[in-house]
Amino acid sequence: MTWNAKYKVALVALASISLVATLFLVASPQVTAGSYDRNAAEDHADTYTCNNCEEPHDDNYNYYPGNDCTNFVSQVLHEGGYPYRGCCWNRWNLSYWFHAGNDSYTWTGAPHINVYFSTYPSEFEYKGWPTQLIKGDIFLADIPDQNGNRDNVPDHAAVIVGDGGGLKDQHTPPRKRVPWNAYEKAGTAYWSVHVKW
């Protein structure tokens, strides 16, 4: 193969790669900075939880009885205007976050949404403590087992509500406007996530 032929093959290959990359970017939903509506997030949280009652849920979303805390938090984020990222066929990709027939792992799992938050530092900021959060923010918890052991991986999620922060709404079990550390075991570790988007 002559040098000119090799050069043409390389140019065609480069053009093909550029075309595929462009098509991927156009076809993939891209998240751009917006304005997170903390009042809408709080309204959704307050509407779909309660104290000492059967856990209410929004029929526009999937529901996971007995394991719905992160799903609830994801709904609150979305109702506050935070958009989906990625979709449908790649639900195990921890850089995607979406609700579909099969929700993404990041939508429904506390350890997975924590990875998602840490992947996008321009959209989510870790604070030192839940008391530094404001309504619409998220905190995750690693709750000790019956022997007091933790694995340093979050296994619970809740949303901060109230004008001064300091209160939480959650699912599994349902809690509405209780102190952020109510019902938590001694030794629980927290990830405090401020929504910057």
C-alpha atoms as a PDB file:
ATOM      1  CA  MET A   1       0.000   0.000   0.000  1.00  0.00           C
ATOM      2  CA  THR A   2       1.427   3.363  -1.006  1.00  0.00           C
ATOM      3  CA  TRP A   3       1.842   6.243   1.393  1.00  0.00           C
ATOM      4  CA  ASN A   4      -1.084   8.127  -0.244  1.00  0.00           C
ATOM      5  CA  ALA A   5      -3.359   5.089   0.127  1.00  0.00           C
ATOM      6  CA  LYS A   6      -2.397   4.726   3.812  1.00  0.00           C
ATOM      7  CA  TYR A   7      -3.021   8.436   4.307  1.00  0.00           C
ATOM      8  CA  LYS A   8      -6.499   8.173   2.730  1.00  0.00           C
ATOM      9  CA  VAL A   9      -7.376   5.133   4.884  1.00  0.00           C
ATOM     10  CA  ALA A  10      -6.278   7.024   8.007  1.00  0.00           C
ATOM     11  CA  LEU A  11      -8.365  10.072   7.031  1.00  0.00           C
ATOM     12  CA  VAL A  12     -11.448   7.942   6.369  1.00  0.00           C
ATOM     13  CA  ALA A  13     -10.996   6.172   9.722  1.00  0.00           C
ATOM     14  CA  LEU A  14     -10.595   9.490  11.533  1.00  0.00           C
ATOM     15  CA  ALA A  15     -13.682  10.926   9.832  1.00  0.00           C
ATOM     16  CA  SER A  16     -15.673   7.825  10.765  1.00  0.00           C
ATOM     17  CA  ILE A  17     -14.642   8.089  14.406  1.00  0.00           C
ATOM     18  CA  SER A  18     -15.573  11.790  14.459  1.00  0.00           C
ATOM     19  CA  LEU A  19     -18.973  11.020  12.913  1.00  0.00           C
ATOM     20  CA  VAL A  20     -19.715   8.275  15.446  1.00  0.00           C
ATOM     21  CA  ALA A  21     -18.664  10.536  18.341  1.00  0.00           C
ATOM     22  CA  THR A  22     -20.849  13.358  17.031  1.00  0.00           C
ATOM     23  CA  LEU A  23     -23.851  11.068  16.604  1.00  0.00           C
ATOM     24  CA  PHE A  24     -23.355   9.726  20.125  1.00  0.00           C
ATOM     25  CA  LEU A  25     -23.256  13.232  21.604  1.00  0.00           C
ATOM     26  CA  VAL A  26     -26.336  14.333  19.670  1.00  0.00           C
ATOM     27  CA  ALA A  27     -28.274  11.163  20.532  1.00  0.00           C
ATOM     28  CA  SER A  28     -27.314  11.161  24.228  1.00  0.00           C
ATOM     29  CA  PRO A  29     -29.234  13.428  26.557  1.00  0.00           C
ATOM     30  CA  GLN A  30     -26.819  15.995  27.912  1.00  0.00           C
ATOM     31  CA  VAL A  31     -27.275  17.633  31.274  1.00  0.00           C
ATOM     32  CA  THR A  32     -26.630  21.344  31.394  1.00  0.00           C
ATOM     33  CA  ALA A  33     -26.649  23.569  34.418  1.00  0.00           C
ATOM     34  CA  GLY A  34     -30.039  24.807  35.406  1.00  0.00           C
ATOM     35  CA  SER A  35     -31.899  26.096  38.391  1.00  0.00           C
ATOM     36  CA  TYR A  36     -32.800  23.499  40.994  1.00  0.00           C
ATOM     37  CA  ASP A  37     -36.250  24.300  42.373  1.00  0.00           C
ATOM     38  CA  ARG A  38     -35.885  23.545  46.058  1.00  0.00           C
ATOM     39  CA  ASN A  39     -39.507  24.405  46.781  1.00  0.00           C
ATOM     40  CA  ALA A  40     -40.750  21.892  44.188  1.00  0.00           C
ATOM     41  CA  ALA A  41     -38.369  19.262  45.558  1.00  0.00           C
ATOM     42  CA  GLU A  42     -39.598  19.873  49.094  1.00  0.00           C
ATOM     43  CA  ASP A  43     -43.264  19.844  48.011  1.00  0.00           C
ATOM     44  CA  HIS A  44     -42.806  16.452  46.360  1.00  0.00           C
ATOM     45  CA  ALA A  45     -41.018  15.072  49.413  1.00  0.00           C
ATOM     46  CA  ASP A  46     -43.738  16.304  51.779  1.00  0.00           C
ATOM     47  CA  THR A  47     -46.543  15.037  49.534  1.00  0.00           C
ATOM     48  CA  TYR A  48     -45.218  11.498  49.240  1.00  0.00           C
ATOM     49  CA  THR A  49     -44.201  10.624  52.764  1.00  0.00           C
ATOM     50  CA  CYS A  50     -45.813  10.553  56.188  1.00  0.00           C
ATOM     51  CA  ASN A  51     -45.332   9.477  59.794  1.00  0.00           C
ATOM     52  CA  ASN A  52     -46.801   6.263  61.168  1.00  0.00           C
ATOM     53  CA  CYS A  53     -48.813   5.430  58.067  1.00  0.00           C
ATOM     54  CA  GLU A  54     -48.673   3.292  54.955  1.00  0.00           C
ATOM     55  CA  GLU A  55     -45.906   4.657  52.736  1.00  0.00           C
ATOM     56  CA  PRO A  56     -47.464   6.828  49.997  1.00  0.00           C
ATOM     57  CA  HIS A  57     -45.876   6.837  46.563  1.00  0.00           C
ATOM     58  CA  ASP A  58     -46.159   8.700  43.280  1.00  0.00           C
ATOM     59  CA  ASP A  59     -47.681   6.455  40.583  1.00  0.00           C
ATOM     60  CA  ASN A  60     -45.601   8.259  37.933  1.00  0.00           C
ATOM     61  CA  TYR A  61     -42.556   6.394  39.261  1.00  0.00           C
ATOM     62  CA  ASN A  62     -41.674   2.835  40.162  1.00  0.00           C
ATOM     63  CA  TYR A  63     -42.086   1.867  43.804  1.00  0.00           C
ATOM     64  CA  TYR A  64     -39.901  -0.553  45.780  1.00  0.00           C
ATOM     65  CA  PRO A  65     -41.761  -1.525  48.975  1.00  0.00           C
ATOM     66  CA  GLY A  66     -39.343  -2.134  51.824  1.00  0.00           C
ATOM     67  CA  ASN A  67     -36.401  -0.665  49.880  1.00  0.00           C
ATOM     68  CA  ASP A  68     -37.539   2.684  48.496  1.00  0.00           C
ATOM     69  CA  CYS A  69     -35.335   5.300  50.178  1.00  0.00           C
ATOM     70  CA  THR A  70     -33.034   6.145  47.245  1.00  0.00           C
ATOM     71  CA  ASN A  71     -35.865   5.881  44.725  1.00  0.00           C
ATOM     72  CA  PHE A  72     -37.734   8.468  46.817  1.00  0.00           C
ATOM     73  CA  VAL A  73     -34.690  10.775  46.924  1.00  0.00           C
ATOM     74  CA  SER A  74     -34.242  10.458  43.149  1.00  0.00           C
ATOM     75  CA  GLN A  75     -37.865  11.406  42.578  1.00  0.00           C
ATOM     76  CA  VAL A  76     -37.384  14.486  44.763  1.00  0.00           C
ATOM     77  CA  LEU A  77     -34.283  15.505  42.776  1.00  0.00           C
ATOM     78  CA  HIS A  78     -36.119  15.041  39.495  1.00  0.00           C
ATOM     79  CA  GLU A  79     -39.211  16.908  40.651  1.00  0.00           C
ATOM     80  CA  GLY A  80     -36.876  19.740  41.652  1.00  0.00           C
ATOM     81  CA  GLY A  81     -35.813  19.928  38.017  1.00  0.00           C
ATOM     82  CA  TYR A  82     -32.616  17.881  37.985  1.00  0.00           C
ATOM     83  CA  PRO A  83     -32.742  16.086  34.607  1.00  0.00           C
ATOM     84  CA  TYR A  84     -32.084  12.487  33.611  1.00  0.00           C
ATOM     85  CA  ARG A  85     -28.654  11.572  32.314  1.00  0.00           C
ATOM     86  CA  GLY A  86     -28.426   8.623  29.924  1.00  0.00           C
ATOM     87  CA  CYS A  87     -31.217   6.167  29.429  1.00  0.00           C
ATOM     88  CA  CYS A  88     -32.705   2.797  29.371  1.00  0.00           C
ATOM     89  CA  TRP A  89     -30.288   0.213  28.015  1.00  0.00           C
ATOM     90  CA  ASN A  90     -27.351   0.888  30.324  1.00  0.00           C
ATOM     91  CA  ARG A  91     -28.911   0.951  33.777  1.00  0.00           C
ATOM     92  CA  TRP A  92     -25.752  -0.303  35.511  1.00  0.00           C
ATOM     93  CA  ASN A  93     -23.610   2.618  34.225  1.00  0.00           C
ATOM     94  CA  LEU A  94     -22.849   4.608  37.380  1.00  0.00           C
ATOM     95  CA  SER A  95     -22.402   7.852  35.429  1.00  0.00           C
ATOM     96  CA  TYR A  96     -26.052   7.644  34.265  1.00  0.00           C
ATOM     97  CA  TRP A  97     -29.121   8.518  36.334  1.00  0.00           C
ATOM     98  CA  PHE A  98     -32.608   7.915  34.970  1.00  0.00           C
ATOM     99  CA  HIS A  99     -36.098   6.621  35.615  1.00  0.00           C
ATOM    100  CA  ALA A 100     -37.447   4.294  32.967  1.00  0.00           C
ATOM    101  CA  GLY A 101     -39.094   0.870  32.798  1.00  0.00           C
ATOM    102  CA  ASN A 102     -35.965  -0.302  34.605  1.00  0.00           C
ATOM    103  CA  ASP A 103     -34.555   2.475  36.744  1.00  0.00           C
ATOM    104  CA  SER A 104     -30.794   2.987  36.730  1.00  0.00           C
ATOM    105  CA  TYR A 105     -28.815   1.572  39.629  1.00  0.00           C
ATOM    106  CA  THR A 106     -27.952   5.155  40.559  1.00  0.00           C
ATOM    107  CA  TRP A 107     -31.660   6.002  40.752  1.00  0.00           C
ATOM    108  CA  THR A 108     -32.462   3.228  43.224  1.00  0.00           C
ATOM    109  CA  GLY A 109     -29.327   2.355  45.225  1.00  0.00           C
ATOM    110  CA  ALA A 110     -27.700   4.475  47.949  1.00  0.00           C
ATOM    111  CA  PRO A 111     -24.134   3.285  47.223  1.00  0.00           C
ATOM    112  CA  HIS A 112     -24.651   3.849  43.505  1.00  0.00           C
ATOM    113  CA  ILE A 113     -26.145   7.338  43.789  1.00  0.00           C
ATOM    114  CA  ASN A 114     -23.173   8.256  45.987  1.00  0.00           C
ATOM    115  CA  VAL A 115     -20.823   7.277  43.147  1.00  0.00           C
ATOM    116  CA  TYR A 116     -22.986   9.314  40.769  1.00  0.00           C
ATOM    117  CA  PHE A 117     -22.805  12.396  43.030  1.00  0.00           C
ATOM    118  CA  SER A 118     -19.018  12.114  43.275  1.00  0.00           C
ATOM    119  CA  THR A 119     -18.748  11.788  39.474  1.00  0.00           C
ATOM    120  CA  TYR A 120     -20.250  15.255  38.927  1.00  0.00           C
ATOM    121  CA  PRO A 121     -18.596  17.696  41.384  1.00  0.00           C
ATOM    122  CA  SER A 122     -19.863  20.696  39.408  1.00  0.00           C
ATOM    123  CA  GLU A 123     -23.433  19.567  40.209  1.00  0.00           C
ATOM    124  CA  PHE A 124     -23.082  18.094  43.711  1.00  0.00           C
ATOM    125  CA  GLU A 125     -20.859  19.220  46.575  1.00  0.00           C
ATOM    126  CA  TYR A 126     -20.042  17.197  49.669  1.00  0.00           C
ATOM    127  CA  LYS A 127     -20.365  19.109  52.922  1.00  0.00           C
ATOM    128  CA  GLY A 128     -18.956  18.160  56.294  1.00  0.00           C
ATOM    129  CA  TRP A 129     -22.222  17.501  58.094  1.00  0.00           C
ATOM    130  CA  PRO A 130     -25.996  17.264  57.398  1.00  0.00           C
ATOM    131  CA  THR A 131     -26.588  20.470  59.390  1.00  0.00           C
ATOM    132  CA  GLN A 132     -24.776  22.339  56.582  1.00  0.00           C
ATOM    133  CA  LEU A 133     -27.453  21.331  54.072  1.00  0.00           C
ATOM    134  CA  ILE A 134     -30.552  23.227  52.967  1.00  0.00           C
ATOM    135  CA  LYS A 135     -33.944  22.019  51.754  1.00  0.00           C
ATOM    136  CA  GLY A 136     -33.767  19.842  48.679  1.00  0.00           C
ATOM    137  CA  ASP A 137     -30.277  18.594  49.558  1.00  0.00           C
ATOM    138  CA  ILE A 138     -29.558  14.919  50.138  1.00  0.00           C
ATOM    139  CA  PHE A 139     -27.822  12.987  52.805  1.00  0.00           C
ATOM    140  CA  LEU A 140     -26.769   9.376  52.787  1.00  0.00           C
ATOM    141  CA  ALA A 141     -26.123   7.187  55.797  1.00  0.00           C
ATOM    142  CA  ASP A 142     -24.109   4.087  56.598  1.00  0.00           C
ATOM    143  CA  ILE A 143     -26.099   2.602  59.456  1.00  0.00           C
ATOM    144  CA  PRO A 144     -24.278   0.154  61.764  1.00  0.00           C
ATOM    145  CA  ASP A 145     -25.503  -3.441  61.885  1.00  0.00           C
ATOM    146  CA  GLN A 146     -26.698  -5.109  65.103  1.00  0.00           C
ATOM    147  CA  ASN A 147     -23.041  -5.572  66.159  1.00  0.00           C
ATOM    148  CA  GLY A 148     -22.233  -1.888  65.612  1.00  0.00           C
ATOM    149  CA  ASN A 149     -20.191  -2.515  62.466  1.00  0.00           C
ATOM    150  CA  ARG A 150     -20.267  -0.359  59.347  1.00  0.00           C
ATOM    151  CA  ASP A 151     -18.861  -1.037  55.886  1.00  0.00           C
ATOM    152  CA  ASN A 152     -18.299   2.645  54.962  1.00  0.00           C
ATOM    153  CA  VAL A 153     -20.797   2.378  52.115  1.00  0.00           C
ATOM    154  CA  PRO A 154     -24.109   4.257  52.294  1.00  0.00           C
ATOM    155  CA  ASP A 155     -27.187   2.100  52.711  1.00  0.00           C
ATOM    156  CA  HIS A 156     -29.833   4.763  53.304  1.00  0.00           C
ATOM    157  CA  ALA A 157     -30.850   8.075  51.706  1.00  0.00           C
ATOM    158  CA  ALA A 158     -33.058  10.972  52.831  1.00  0.00           C
ATOM    159  CA  VAL A 159     -33.833  14.531  51.758  1.00  0.00           C
ATOM    160  CA  ILE A 160     -33.499  17.701  53.817  1.00  0.00           C
ATOM    161  CA  VAL A 161     -36.673  19.803  54.141  1.00  0.00           C
ATOM    162  CA  GLY A 162     -37.661  22.964  56.012  1.00  0.00           C
ATOM    163  CA  ASP A 163     -36.500  26.527  55.550  1.00  0.00           C
ATOM    164  CA  GLY A 164     -33.644  26.189  58.003  1.00  0.00           C
ATOM    165  CA  GLY A 165     -32.709  22.660  56.979  1.00  0.00           C
ATOM    166  CA  GLY A 166     -32.272  20.252  59.843  1.00  0.00           C
ATOM    167  CA  LEU A 167     -35.408  18.207  59.094  1.00  0.00           C
ATOM    168  CA  LYS A 168     -35.721  15.207  56.808  1.00  0.00           C
ATOM    169  CA  ASP A 169     -38.259  13.355  54.705  1.00  0.00           C
ATOM    170  CA  GLN A 170     -37.618   9.768  53.717  1.00  0.00           C
ATOM    171  CA  HIS A 171     -39.007   6.409  52.689  1.00  0.00           C
ATOM    172  CA  THR A 172     -38.344   2.975  54.191  1.00  0.00           C
ATOM    173  CA  PRO A 173     -39.537   3.654  56.735  1.00  0.00           C
ATOM    174  CA  PRO A 174     -41.621   6.731  55.891  1.00  0.00           C
ATOM    175  CA  ARG A 175     -40.734   9.792  57.928  1.00  0.00           C
ATOM    176  CA  LYS A 176     -41.990  13.343  57.429  1.00  0.00           C
ATOM    177  CA  ARG A 177     -40.312  16.470  58.796  1.00  0.00           C
ATOM    178  CA  VAL A 178     -38.456  14.754  61.595  1.00  0.00           C
ATOM    179  CA  PRO A 179     -35.007  15.891  62.813  1.00  0.00           C
ATOM    180  CA  TRP A 180     -32.337  14.814  60.328  1.00  0.00           C
ATOM    181  CA  ASN A 181     -30.808  12.348  62.819  1.00  0.00           C
ATOM    182  CA  ALA A 182     -34.086  11.007  64.229  1.00  0.00           C
ATOM    183  CA  TYR A 183     -34.233   7.224  64.518  1.00  0.00           C
ATOM    184  CA  GLU A 184     -30.577   6.844  63.452  1.00  0.00           C
ATOM    185  CA  LYS A 185     -28.345   4.475  65.401  1.00  0.00           C
ATOM    186  CA  ALA A 186     -25.328   5.725  67.295  1.00  0.00           C
ATOM    187  CA  GLY A 187     -22.236   5.422  65.129  1.00  0.00           C
ATOM    188  CA  THR A 188     -24.041   6.142  61.847  1.00  0.00           C
ATOM    189  CA  ALA A 189     -21.775   7.772  59.235  1.00  0.00           C
ATOM    190  CA  TYR A 190     -23.119  10.416  56.846  1.00  0.00           C
ATOM    191  CA  TRP A 191     -22.453  11.818  53.389  1.00  0.00           C
ATOM    192  CA  SER A 192     -23.925  15.323  53.146  1.00  0.00           C
ATOM    193  CA  VAL A 193     -24.631  16.289  49.548  1.00  0.00           C
ATOM    194  CA  HIS A 194     -25.472  19.834  48.487  1.00  0.00           C
ATOM    195  CA  VAL A 195     -27.207  20.117  45.103  1.00  0.00           C
ATOM    196  CA  LYS A 196     -25.372  22.820  43.114  1.00  0.00           C
ATOM    197  CA  TRP A 197     -27.175  22.310  39.801  1.00  0.00           C
END
